[in-house]
Amino acid sequence: MNQSIIVAQEAADRVRSAAEAEATEVRQQAQDDAESMLSEAHAKSDDVLSKADDQSRQLALQTEDLRQNAKQFRDHLVLLLQAELETVKGAEWSAAVDHEPFQPVQTDAADAETSTDTEKDLDTDGADSVNSGAEGDSAATSEAEAPDAATDTAKDDEYTEIVFPDGPIAKDN
């Protein structure tokens, strides 16, 4: 019986040592797996952080480029608007806007004669035409024609000529 107890005790010691060895091996494997997962997680996080940092730098550069472009555009626009304002405030523009109504000017006597001859021809041709030389016919003009004549005269008096400067605008500073 002592022998049986010793054999059982030795068997129990072997099972215990085998269990301890296997537990140590499983623990070591689990620890190795955990360290591997941790190092992979660190590598992935470093990669993600690196990419995010690169993207952040690229966005910062693009933002700065956009700011510079916007500043240049604004400066250019300011110069353009100042030039336009100087043009509008300038003497040439004032002269074009503030001058007396346009009066047609005949350049020579030949033009005046041609104009007068043409008016006479148009004025006296045909039975239906108006003859401004005949005083009795002026009363026979219909009332429907009178507004047209007044409108034509008003259109001639409303002629406006706008002159724009040809040369570059000089800044008066």
N, C-alpha and C. Protein backbone atom coordinates (compact mmCIF):
# COMPACT_ATOMS: atom_id res chain seq x y z
N MET A 1 0.79 -1.14 0.00
CA MET A 1 0.00 0.00 0.00
C MET A 1 0.86 1.24 0.00
N ASN A 2 1.86 1.26 0.69
CA ASN A 2 2.80 2.36 0.66
C ASN A 2 3.35 2.54 -0.76
N GLN A 3 3.59 1.42 -1.34
CA GLN A 3 4.12 1.45 -2.69
C GLN A 3 3.08 2.05 -3.62
N SER A 4 1.85 1.70 -3.46
CA SER A 4 0.78 2.23 -4.30
C SER A 4 0.64 3.73 -4.08
N ILE A 5 0.81 4.13 -2.86
CA ILE A 5 0.69 5.56 -2.56
C ILE A 5 1.86 6.30 -3.20
N ILE A 6 3.02 5.70 -3.14
CA ILE A 6 4.20 6.33 -3.72
C ILE A 6 4.02 6.41 -5.23
N VAL A 7 3.54 5.35 -5.84
CA VAL A 7 3.34 5.32 -7.30
C VAL A 7 2.27 6.38 -7.67
N ALA A 8 1.22 6.46 -6.90
CA ALA A 8 0.16 7.41 -7.17
C ALA A 8 0.68 8.84 -6.99
N GLN A 9 1.54 8.99 -5.98
CA GLN A 9 2.10 10.30 -5.72
C GLN A 9 3.05 10.69 -6.87
N GLU A 10 3.84 9.77 -7.33
CA GLU A 10 4.75 10.04 -8.44
C GLU A 10 3.95 10.34 -9.71
N ALA A 11 2.86 9.63 -9.93
CA ALA A 11 2.02 9.87 -11.10
C ALA A 11 1.40 11.26 -10.99
N ALA A 12 0.97 11.61 -9.78
CA ALA A 12 0.38 12.92 -9.57
C ALA A 12 1.42 14.01 -9.79
N ASP A 13 2.64 13.77 -9.34
CA ASP A 13 3.73 14.75 -9.55
C ASP A 13 4.02 14.92 -11.04
N ARG A 14 4.02 13.82 -11.77
CA ARG A 14 4.27 13.90 -13.22
C ARG A 14 3.14 14.65 -13.93
N VAL A 15 1.91 14.37 -13.57
CA VAL A 15 0.77 15.05 -14.18
C VAL A 15 0.82 16.54 -13.84
N ARG A 16 1.16 16.84 -12.56
CA ARG A 16 1.24 18.23 -12.15
C ARG A 16 2.35 18.96 -12.90
N SER A 17 3.51 18.33 -13.02
CA SER A 17 4.62 18.98 -13.72
C SER A 17 4.32 19.11 -15.20
N ALA A 18 3.64 18.12 -15.78
CA ALA A 18 3.25 18.22 -17.18
C ALA A 18 2.22 19.34 -17.36
N ALA A 19 1.29 19.46 -16.42
CA ALA A 19 0.27 20.51 -16.49
C ALA A 19 0.92 21.88 -16.31
N GLU A 20 1.87 21.95 -15.39
CA GLU A 20 2.57 23.22 -15.18
C GLU A 20 3.37 23.61 -16.42
N ALA A 21 4.03 22.63 -17.02
CA ALA A 21 4.81 22.90 -18.22
C ALA A 21 3.89 23.36 -19.36
N GLU A 22 2.75 22.68 -19.52
CA GLU A 22 1.82 23.06 -20.57
C GLU A 22 1.21 24.42 -20.26
N ALA A 23 0.91 24.72 -19.01
CA ALA A 23 0.36 26.01 -18.63
C ALA A 23 1.38 27.11 -18.90
N THR A 24 2.62 26.84 -18.60
CA THR A 24 3.69 27.81 -18.87
C THR A 24 3.81 28.05 -20.37
N GLU A 25 3.73 26.96 -21.14
CA GLU A 25 3.82 27.07 -22.59
C GLU A 25 2.64 27.86 -23.15
N VAL A 26 1.42 27.60 -22.68
CA VAL A 26 0.22 28.31 -23.13
C VAL A 26 0.31 29.78 -22.74
N ARG A 27 0.77 30.03 -21.49
CA ARG A 27 0.93 31.40 -21.02
C ARG A 27 1.94 32.15 -21.89
N GLN A 28 3.06 31.49 -22.20
CA GLN A 28 4.10 32.09 -23.02
C GLN A 28 3.55 32.39 -24.43
N GLN A 29 2.81 31.43 -24.99
CA GLN A 29 2.22 31.61 -26.32
C GLN A 29 1.24 32.77 -26.31
N ALA A 30 0.42 32.86 -25.28
CA ALA A 30 -0.56 33.95 -25.16
C ALA A 30 0.15 35.29 -25.02
N GLN A 31 1.21 35.30 -24.24
CA GLN A 31 1.97 36.54 -24.06
C GLN A 31 2.63 36.95 -25.38
N ASP A 32 3.18 35.98 -26.13
CA ASP A 32 3.79 36.28 -27.43
C ASP A 32 2.74 36.82 -28.41
N ASP A 33 1.56 36.19 -28.41
CA ASP A 33 0.48 36.65 -29.30
C ASP A 33 0.04 38.07 -28.93
N ALA A 34 -0.08 38.32 -27.64
CA ALA A 34 -0.49 39.65 -27.18
C ALA A 34 0.55 40.70 -27.58
N GLU A 35 1.82 40.38 -27.41
CA GLU A 35 2.88 41.31 -27.79
C GLU A 35 2.89 41.55 -29.30
N SER A 36 2.63 40.49 -30.06
CA SER A 36 2.56 40.60 -31.52
C SER A 36 1.40 41.51 -31.93
N MET A 37 0.23 41.29 -31.33
CA MET A 37 -0.93 42.13 -31.63
C MET A 37 -0.66 43.58 -31.24
N LEU A 38 -0.04 43.77 -30.11
CA LEU A 38 0.26 45.11 -29.63
C LEU A 38 1.23 45.82 -30.58
N SER A 39 2.26 45.09 -31.02
CA SER A 39 3.23 45.71 -31.93
C SER A 39 2.57 46.02 -33.29
N GLU A 40 1.67 45.14 -33.77
CA GLU A 40 0.95 45.41 -35.02
C GLU A 40 0.05 46.63 -34.85
N ALA A 41 -0.62 46.73 -33.71
CA ALA A 41 -1.49 47.88 -33.44
C ALA A 41 -0.68 49.17 -33.41
N HIS A 42 0.49 49.13 -32.77
CA HIS A 42 1.36 50.30 -32.73
C HIS A 42 1.83 50.68 -34.14
N ALA A 43 2.18 49.67 -34.93
CA ALA A 43 2.64 49.94 -36.30
C ALA A 43 1.52 50.56 -37.12
N LYS A 44 0.30 50.00 -36.99
CA LYS A 44 -0.83 50.56 -37.73
C LYS A 44 -1.15 51.98 -37.27
N SER A 45 -1.12 52.21 -35.97
CA SER A 45 -1.42 53.55 -35.46
C SER A 45 -0.34 54.54 -35.90
N ASP A 46 0.92 54.10 -35.91
CA ASP A 46 1.99 54.98 -36.40
C ASP A 46 1.79 55.31 -37.88
N ASP A 47 1.38 54.30 -38.66
CA ASP A 47 1.13 54.50 -40.08
C ASP A 47 -0.03 55.48 -40.30
N VAL A 48 -1.12 55.29 -39.55
CA VAL A 48 -2.28 56.17 -39.66
C VAL A 48 -1.90 57.59 -39.24
N LEU A 49 -1.15 57.72 -38.15
CA LEU A 49 -0.74 59.04 -37.70
C LEU A 49 0.19 59.70 -38.72
N SER A 50 1.08 58.91 -39.31
CA SER A 50 1.99 59.45 -40.32
C SER A 50 1.21 59.96 -41.53
N LYS A 51 0.24 59.15 -42.01
CA LYS A 51 -0.58 59.57 -43.14
C LYS A 51 -1.39 60.82 -42.81
N ALA A 52 -1.95 60.83 -41.61
CA ALA A 52 -2.74 61.99 -41.18
C ALA A 52 -1.87 63.24 -41.10
N ASP A 53 -0.65 63.08 -40.62
CA ASP A 53 0.29 64.20 -40.54
C ASP A 53 0.64 64.71 -41.93
N ASP A 54 0.87 63.78 -42.87
CA ASP A 54 1.18 64.17 -44.25
C ASP A 54 0.00 64.91 -44.88
N GLN A 55 -1.20 64.38 -44.67
CA GLN A 55 -2.39 65.04 -45.22
C GLN A 55 -2.59 66.41 -44.60
N SER A 56 -2.33 66.51 -43.32
CA SER A 56 -2.45 67.79 -42.63
C SER A 56 -1.47 68.81 -43.21
N ARG A 57 -0.25 68.39 -43.47
CA ARG A 57 0.74 69.29 -44.07
C ARG A 57 0.32 69.70 -45.48
N GLN A 58 -0.19 68.74 -46.26
CA GLN A 58 -0.63 69.06 -47.62
C GLN A 58 -1.80 70.05 -47.58
N LEU A 59 -2.74 69.83 -46.67
CA LEU A 59 -3.87 70.74 -46.55
C LEU A 59 -3.41 72.13 -46.10
N ALA A 60 -2.43 72.17 -45.21
CA ALA A 60 -1.90 73.46 -44.76
C ALA A 60 -1.24 74.19 -45.93
N LEU A 61 -0.50 73.47 -46.77
CA LEU A 61 0.14 74.08 -47.94
C LEU A 61 -0.91 74.57 -48.94
N GLN A 62 -1.91 73.73 -49.18
CA GLN A 62 -2.97 74.12 -50.11
C GLN A 62 -3.74 75.33 -49.59
N THR A 63 -3.99 75.34 -48.29
CA THR A 63 -4.70 76.47 -47.68
C THR A 63 -3.87 77.73 -47.83
N GLU A 64 -2.59 77.64 -47.60
CA GLU A 64 -1.72 78.81 -47.74
C GLU A 64 -1.68 79.28 -49.19
N ASP A 65 -1.61 78.33 -50.14
CA ASP A 65 -1.65 78.69 -51.56
C ASP A 65 -2.95 79.41 -51.90
N LEU A 66 -4.07 78.88 -51.39
CA LEU A 66 -5.36 79.51 -51.65
C LEU A 66 -5.42 80.91 -51.03
N ARG A 67 -4.86 81.07 -49.86
CA ARG A 67 -4.83 82.39 -49.23
C ARG A 67 -4.02 83.37 -50.07
N GLN A 68 -2.86 82.90 -50.55
CA GLN A 68 -2.02 83.76 -51.39
C GLN A 68 -2.75 84.13 -52.69
N ASN A 69 -3.40 83.14 -53.30
CA ASN A 69 -4.14 83.40 -54.54
C ASN A 69 -5.28 84.38 -54.28
N ALA A 70 -5.99 84.20 -53.18
CA ALA A 70 -7.10 85.10 -52.84
C ALA A 70 -6.57 86.50 -52.58
N LYS A 71 -5.44 86.61 -51.90
CA LYS A 71 -4.83 87.92 -51.62
C LYS A 71 -4.41 88.60 -52.92
N GLN A 72 -3.77 87.83 -53.82
CA GLN A 72 -3.36 88.40 -55.10
C GLN A 72 -4.58 88.83 -55.91
N PHE A 73 -5.63 88.01 -55.91
CA PHE A 73 -6.85 88.36 -56.63
C PHE A 73 -7.46 89.63 -56.04
N ARG A 74 -7.52 89.70 -54.73
CA ARG A 74 -8.09 90.88 -54.09
C ARG A 74 -7.28 92.13 -54.41
N ASP A 75 -5.95 92.02 -54.34
CA ASP A 75 -5.09 93.16 -54.66
C ASP A 75 -5.29 93.60 -56.11
N HIS A 76 -5.37 92.62 -57.01
CA HIS A 76 -5.58 92.93 -58.42
C HIS A 76 -6.95 93.58 -58.62
N LEU A 77 -7.95 93.06 -57.95
CA LEU A 77 -9.30 93.62 -58.05
C LEU A 77 -9.34 95.04 -57.52
N VAL A 78 -8.65 95.30 -56.42
CA VAL A 78 -8.60 96.64 -55.85
C VAL A 78 -7.97 97.60 -56.85
N LEU A 79 -6.84 97.17 -57.46
CA LEU A 79 -6.19 98.03 -58.45
C LEU A 79 -7.11 98.30 -59.65
N LEU A 80 -7.78 97.26 -60.10
CA LEU A 80 -8.70 97.42 -61.23
C LEU A 80 -9.83 98.38 -60.89
N LEU A 81 -10.42 98.19 -59.72
CA LEU A 81 -11.53 99.06 -59.31
C LEU A 81 -11.06 100.50 -59.09
N GLN A 82 -9.85 100.68 -58.56
CA GLN A 82 -9.32 102.03 -58.39
C GLN A 82 -9.11 102.69 -59.75
N ALA A 83 -8.59 101.91 -60.70
CA ALA A 83 -8.38 102.45 -62.04
C ALA A 83 -9.72 102.83 -62.67
N GLU A 84 -10.72 101.98 -62.50
CA GLU A 84 -12.05 102.30 -63.04
C GLU A 84 -12.63 103.52 -62.35
N LEU A 85 -12.45 103.63 -61.05
CA LEU A 85 -12.96 104.79 -60.32
C LEU A 85 -12.26 106.06 -60.80
N GLU A 86 -10.95 106.00 -61.00
CA GLU A 86 -10.22 107.15 -61.51
C GLU A 86 -10.71 107.52 -62.90
N THR A 87 -11.03 106.51 -63.71
CA THR A 87 -11.55 106.77 -65.04
C THR A 87 -12.89 107.48 -64.95
N VAL A 88 -13.77 106.98 -64.09
CA VAL A 88 -15.09 107.57 -63.95
C VAL A 88 -15.01 108.98 -63.37
N LYS A 89 -14.07 109.22 -62.47
CA LYS A 89 -13.91 110.54 -61.88
C LYS A 89 -13.09 111.47 -62.77
N GLY A 90 -12.47 110.94 -63.80
CA GLY A 90 -11.56 111.71 -64.65
C GLY A 90 -12.25 112.77 -65.49
N ALA A 91 -11.42 113.67 -66.01
CA ALA A 91 -11.91 114.79 -66.80
C ALA A 91 -12.54 114.33 -68.10
N GLU A 92 -11.97 113.30 -68.73
CA GLU A 92 -12.52 112.83 -70.00
C GLU A 92 -13.94 112.30 -69.82
N TRP A 93 -14.14 111.55 -68.76
CA TRP A 93 -15.47 111.01 -68.50
C TRP A 93 -16.45 112.15 -68.18
N SER A 94 -16.02 113.09 -67.36
CA SER A 94 -16.87 114.23 -67.02
C SER A 94 -17.23 115.01 -68.27
N ALA A 95 -16.25 115.21 -69.15
CA ALA A 95 -16.50 115.94 -70.38
C ALA A 95 -17.50 115.19 -71.24
N ALA A 96 -17.40 113.87 -71.27
CA ALA A 96 -18.31 113.07 -72.09
C ALA A 96 -19.72 113.09 -71.54
N VAL A 97 -19.85 113.10 -70.24
CA VAL A 97 -21.17 113.05 -69.62
C VAL A 97 -21.79 114.43 -69.45
N ASP A 98 -20.98 115.44 -69.14
CA ASP A 98 -21.49 116.76 -68.80
C ASP A 98 -21.56 117.72 -69.99
N HIS A 99 -21.21 117.31 -71.20
CA HIS A 99 -21.21 118.25 -72.34
C HIS A 99 -22.63 118.58 -72.76
N GLU A 100 -22.73 119.65 -73.51
CA GLU A 100 -24.02 120.11 -74.01
C GLU A 100 -24.59 119.07 -74.97
N PRO A 101 -25.90 119.09 -75.20
CA PRO A 101 -26.49 118.13 -76.13
C PRO A 101 -25.83 118.24 -77.50
N PHE A 102 -25.79 117.15 -78.18
CA PHE A 102 -25.12 117.05 -79.47
C PHE A 102 -25.84 117.89 -80.52
N GLN A 103 -25.10 118.74 -81.17
CA GLN A 103 -25.62 119.53 -82.27
C GLN A 103 -24.88 119.08 -83.53
N PRO A 104 -25.59 118.59 -84.54
CA PRO A 104 -24.90 118.17 -85.75
C PRO A 104 -24.18 119.35 -86.38
N VAL A 105 -22.98 119.12 -86.82
CA VAL A 105 -22.17 120.16 -87.42
C VAL A 105 -21.94 119.78 -88.87
N GLN A 106 -22.21 120.72 -89.79
CA GLN A 106 -21.94 120.46 -91.20
C GLN A 106 -20.53 120.94 -91.48
N THR A 107 -19.79 120.07 -92.14
CA THR A 107 -18.38 120.36 -92.31
C THR A 107 -18.09 121.34 -93.42
N ASP A 108 -18.91 121.39 -94.47
CA ASP A 108 -18.66 122.36 -95.54
C ASP A 108 -19.97 122.74 -96.21
N ALA A 109 -19.90 123.71 -97.11
CA ALA A 109 -21.09 124.24 -97.77
C ALA A 109 -21.71 123.21 -98.69
N ALA A 110 -20.90 122.30 -99.29
CA ALA A 110 -21.44 121.29 -100.20
C ALA A 110 -22.38 120.35 -99.46
N ASP A 111 -22.01 119.98 -98.23
CA ASP A 111 -22.89 119.13 -97.42
C ASP A 111 -24.21 119.85 -97.12
N ALA A 112 -24.13 121.14 -96.86
CA ALA A 112 -25.33 121.91 -96.53
C ALA A 112 -26.25 121.98 -97.74
N GLU A 113 -25.71 122.19 -98.93
CA GLU A 113 -26.53 122.27 -100.13
C GLU A 113 -27.17 120.92 -100.43
N THR A 114 -26.39 119.82 -100.30
CA THR A 114 -26.90 118.49 -100.56
C THR A 114 -28.04 118.18 -99.60
N SER A 115 -27.86 118.54 -98.34
CA SER A 115 -28.90 118.29 -97.33
C SER A 115 -30.15 119.07 -97.66
N THR A 116 -30.01 120.33 -98.05
CA THR A 116 -31.16 121.16 -98.37
C THR A 116 -31.87 120.64 -99.61
N ASP A 117 -31.11 120.25 -100.65
CA ASP A 117 -31.71 119.71 -101.87
C ASP A 117 -32.47 118.43 -101.58
N THR A 118 -31.90 117.56 -100.76
CA THR A 118 -32.54 116.31 -100.43
C THR A 118 -33.83 116.56 -99.67
N GLU A 119 -33.83 117.50 -98.74
CA GLU A 119 -35.04 117.82 -97.98
C GLU A 119 -36.12 118.36 -98.89
N LYS A 120 -35.74 119.19 -99.87
CA LYS A 120 -36.73 119.75 -100.80
C LYS A 120 -37.33 118.63 -101.65
N ASP A 121 -36.46 117.70 -102.12
CA ASP A 121 -36.96 116.61 -102.94
C ASP A 121 -37.93 115.73 -102.16
N LEU A 122 -37.58 115.42 -100.94
CA LEU A 122 -38.44 114.57 -100.13
C LEU A 122 -39.71 115.30 -99.74
N ASP A 123 -39.60 116.58 -99.54
CA ASP A 123 -40.72 117.35 -99.04
C ASP A 123 -41.79 117.59 -100.09
N THR A 124 -41.43 117.62 -101.37
CA THR A 124 -42.40 118.01 -102.38
C THR A 124 -42.75 116.91 -103.36
N ASP A 125 -42.22 115.72 -103.23
CA ASP A 125 -42.51 114.64 -104.18
C ASP A 125 -43.89 114.05 -103.94
N GLY A 126 -44.64 113.84 -105.00
CA GLY A 126 -45.88 113.07 -104.93
C GLY A 126 -47.05 113.83 -104.36
N ALA A 127 -48.25 113.33 -104.66
CA ALA A 127 -49.47 113.96 -104.18
C ALA A 127 -49.71 113.68 -102.71
N ASP A 128 -49.19 112.54 -102.18
CA ASP A 128 -49.41 112.19 -100.79
C ASP A 128 -48.41 112.84 -99.84
N SER A 129 -47.36 113.41 -100.37
CA SER A 129 -46.30 113.91 -99.51
C SER A 129 -46.67 115.24 -98.88
N VAL A 130 -45.96 115.59 -97.86
CA VAL A 130 -46.19 116.83 -97.15
C VAL A 130 -45.36 117.90 -97.83
N ASN A 131 -45.94 119.01 -98.07
CA ASN A 131 -45.22 120.12 -98.66
C ASN A 131 -45.17 121.22 -97.62
N SER A 132 -44.04 121.36 -97.00
CA SER A 132 -43.94 122.34 -95.93
C SER A 132 -43.89 123.75 -96.47
N GLY A 133 -43.67 123.88 -97.78
CA GLY A 133 -43.67 125.21 -98.39
C GLY A 133 -45.07 125.73 -98.60
N ALA A 134 -46.05 124.87 -98.70
CA ALA A 134 -47.44 125.29 -98.91
C ALA A 134 -48.11 125.44 -97.58
N GLU A 135 -48.56 126.64 -97.27
CA GLU A 135 -49.12 126.90 -95.95
C GLU A 135 -50.52 126.34 -95.79
N GLY A 136 -51.29 126.27 -96.82
CA GLY A 136 -52.65 125.77 -96.72
C GLY A 136 -52.69 124.28 -96.45
N ASP A 137 -51.71 123.51 -96.91
CA ASP A 137 -51.70 122.06 -96.73
C ASP A 137 -51.33 121.66 -95.31
N SER A 138 -50.65 122.51 -94.55
CA SER A 138 -50.22 122.13 -93.21
C SER A 138 -51.40 121.93 -92.29
N ALA A 139 -52.49 122.60 -92.53
CA ALA A 139 -53.67 122.41 -91.70
C ALA A 139 -54.37 121.11 -92.03
N ALA A 140 -54.12 120.57 -93.24
CA ALA A 140 -54.78 119.34 -93.66
C ALA A 140 -54.10 118.10 -93.12
N THR A 141 -53.01 118.23 -92.43
CA THR A 141 -52.29 117.08 -91.89
C THR A 141 -53.16 116.41 -90.83
N SER A 142 -53.28 115.10 -90.90
CA SER A 142 -54.15 114.39 -89.97
C SER A 142 -53.57 114.40 -88.56
N GLU A 143 -54.44 114.22 -87.59
CA GLU A 143 -54.01 114.20 -86.20
C GLU A 143 -53.19 112.97 -85.88
N ALA A 144 -53.37 111.89 -86.62
CA ALA A 144 -52.62 110.66 -86.40
C ALA A 144 -51.16 110.84 -86.79
N GLU A 145 -50.86 111.70 -87.76
CA GLU A 145 -49.50 111.91 -88.20
C GLU A 145 -48.75 112.86 -87.27
N ALA A 146 -49.42 113.72 -86.60
CA ALA A 146 -48.78 114.72 -85.74
C ALA A 146 -47.97 114.09 -84.61
N PRO A 147 -48.44 113.05 -83.89
CA PRO A 147 -47.61 112.47 -82.84
C PRO A 147 -46.34 111.84 -83.40
N ASP A 148 -46.39 111.27 -84.60
CA ASP A 148 -45.18 110.68 -85.19
C ASP A 148 -44.13 111.75 -85.45
N ALA A 149 -44.55 112.88 -85.96
CA ALA A 149 -43.61 113.96 -86.23
C ALA A 149 -42.99 114.46 -84.94
N ALA A 150 -43.79 114.58 -83.89
CA ALA A 150 -43.27 115.03 -82.61
C ALA A 150 -42.29 114.00 -82.04
N THR A 151 -42.58 112.70 -82.18
CA THR A 151 -41.70 111.65 -81.70
C THR A 151 -40.38 111.66 -82.45
N ASP A 152 -40.44 111.85 -83.79
CA ASP A 152 -39.22 111.88 -84.59
C ASP A 152 -38.34 113.06 -84.17
N THR A 153 -38.94 114.19 -83.92
CA THR A 153 -38.18 115.37 -83.49
C THR A 153 -37.57 115.13 -82.12
N ALA A 154 -38.32 114.50 -81.22
CA ALA A 154 -37.80 114.22 -79.88
C ALA A 154 -36.65 113.24 -79.94
N LYS A 155 -36.74 112.27 -80.84
CA LYS A 155 -35.65 111.30 -80.96
C LYS A 155 -34.37 111.96 -81.44
N ASP A 156 -34.49 112.90 -82.37
CA ASP A 156 -33.31 113.61 -82.87
C ASP A 156 -32.69 114.45 -81.78
N ASP A 157 -33.50 115.06 -80.93
CA ASP A 157 -32.98 115.91 -79.86
C ASP A 157 -32.35 115.10 -78.73
N GLU A 158 -32.67 113.81 -78.60
CA GLU A 158 -32.18 112.99 -77.51
C GLU A 158 -30.89 112.24 -77.85
N TYR A 159 -30.26 112.51 -78.94
CA TYR A 159 -29.04 111.80 -79.34
C TYR A 159 -27.94 112.08 -78.33
N THR A 160 -27.32 111.03 -77.84
CA THR A 160 -26.25 111.14 -76.85
C THR A 160 -25.01 110.45 -77.38
N GLU A 161 -23.90 111.11 -77.26
CA GLU A 161 -22.63 110.53 -77.71
C GLU A 161 -21.76 110.31 -76.48
N ILE A 162 -21.23 109.10 -76.34
CA ILE A 162 -20.36 108.77 -75.22
C ILE A 162 -18.97 108.50 -75.78
N VAL A 163 -17.96 109.14 -75.19
CA VAL A 163 -16.58 109.00 -75.66
C VAL A 163 -15.78 108.33 -74.56
N PHE A 164 -15.08 107.26 -74.90
CA PHE A 164 -14.23 106.56 -73.95
C PHE A 164 -12.78 106.85 -74.27
N PRO A 165 -11.92 106.96 -73.25
CA PRO A 165 -10.50 107.23 -73.52
C PRO A 165 -9.84 106.03 -74.19
N ASP A 166 -8.92 106.32 -75.10
CA ASP A 166 -8.22 105.26 -75.82
C ASP A 166 -6.95 104.82 -75.11
N GLY A 167 -6.28 105.72 -74.45
CA GLY A 167 -4.98 105.44 -73.86
C GLY A 167 -5.09 104.83 -72.46
N PRO A 168 -3.94 104.43 -71.89
CA PRO A 168 -3.94 103.89 -70.53
C PRO A 168 -4.27 104.97 -69.52
N ILE A 169 -4.74 104.57 -68.41
CA ILE A 169 -5.15 105.48 -67.35
C ILE A 169 -3.93 105.81 -66.50
N ALA A 170 -3.65 107.06 -66.35
CA ALA A 170 -2.51 107.49 -65.53
C ALA A 170 -2.99 107.74 -64.12
N LYS A 171 -2.23 107.26 -63.17
CA LYS A 171 -2.60 107.46 -61.77
C LYS A 171 -2.06 108.80 -61.30
N ASP A 172 -2.91 109.57 -60.64
CA ASP A 172 -2.51 110.85 -60.08
C ASP A 172 -2.24 110.66 -58.60
N ASN A 173 -1.02 110.41 -58.25
CA ASN A 173 -0.67 110.20 -56.83
C ASN A 173 0.20 111.31 -56.36
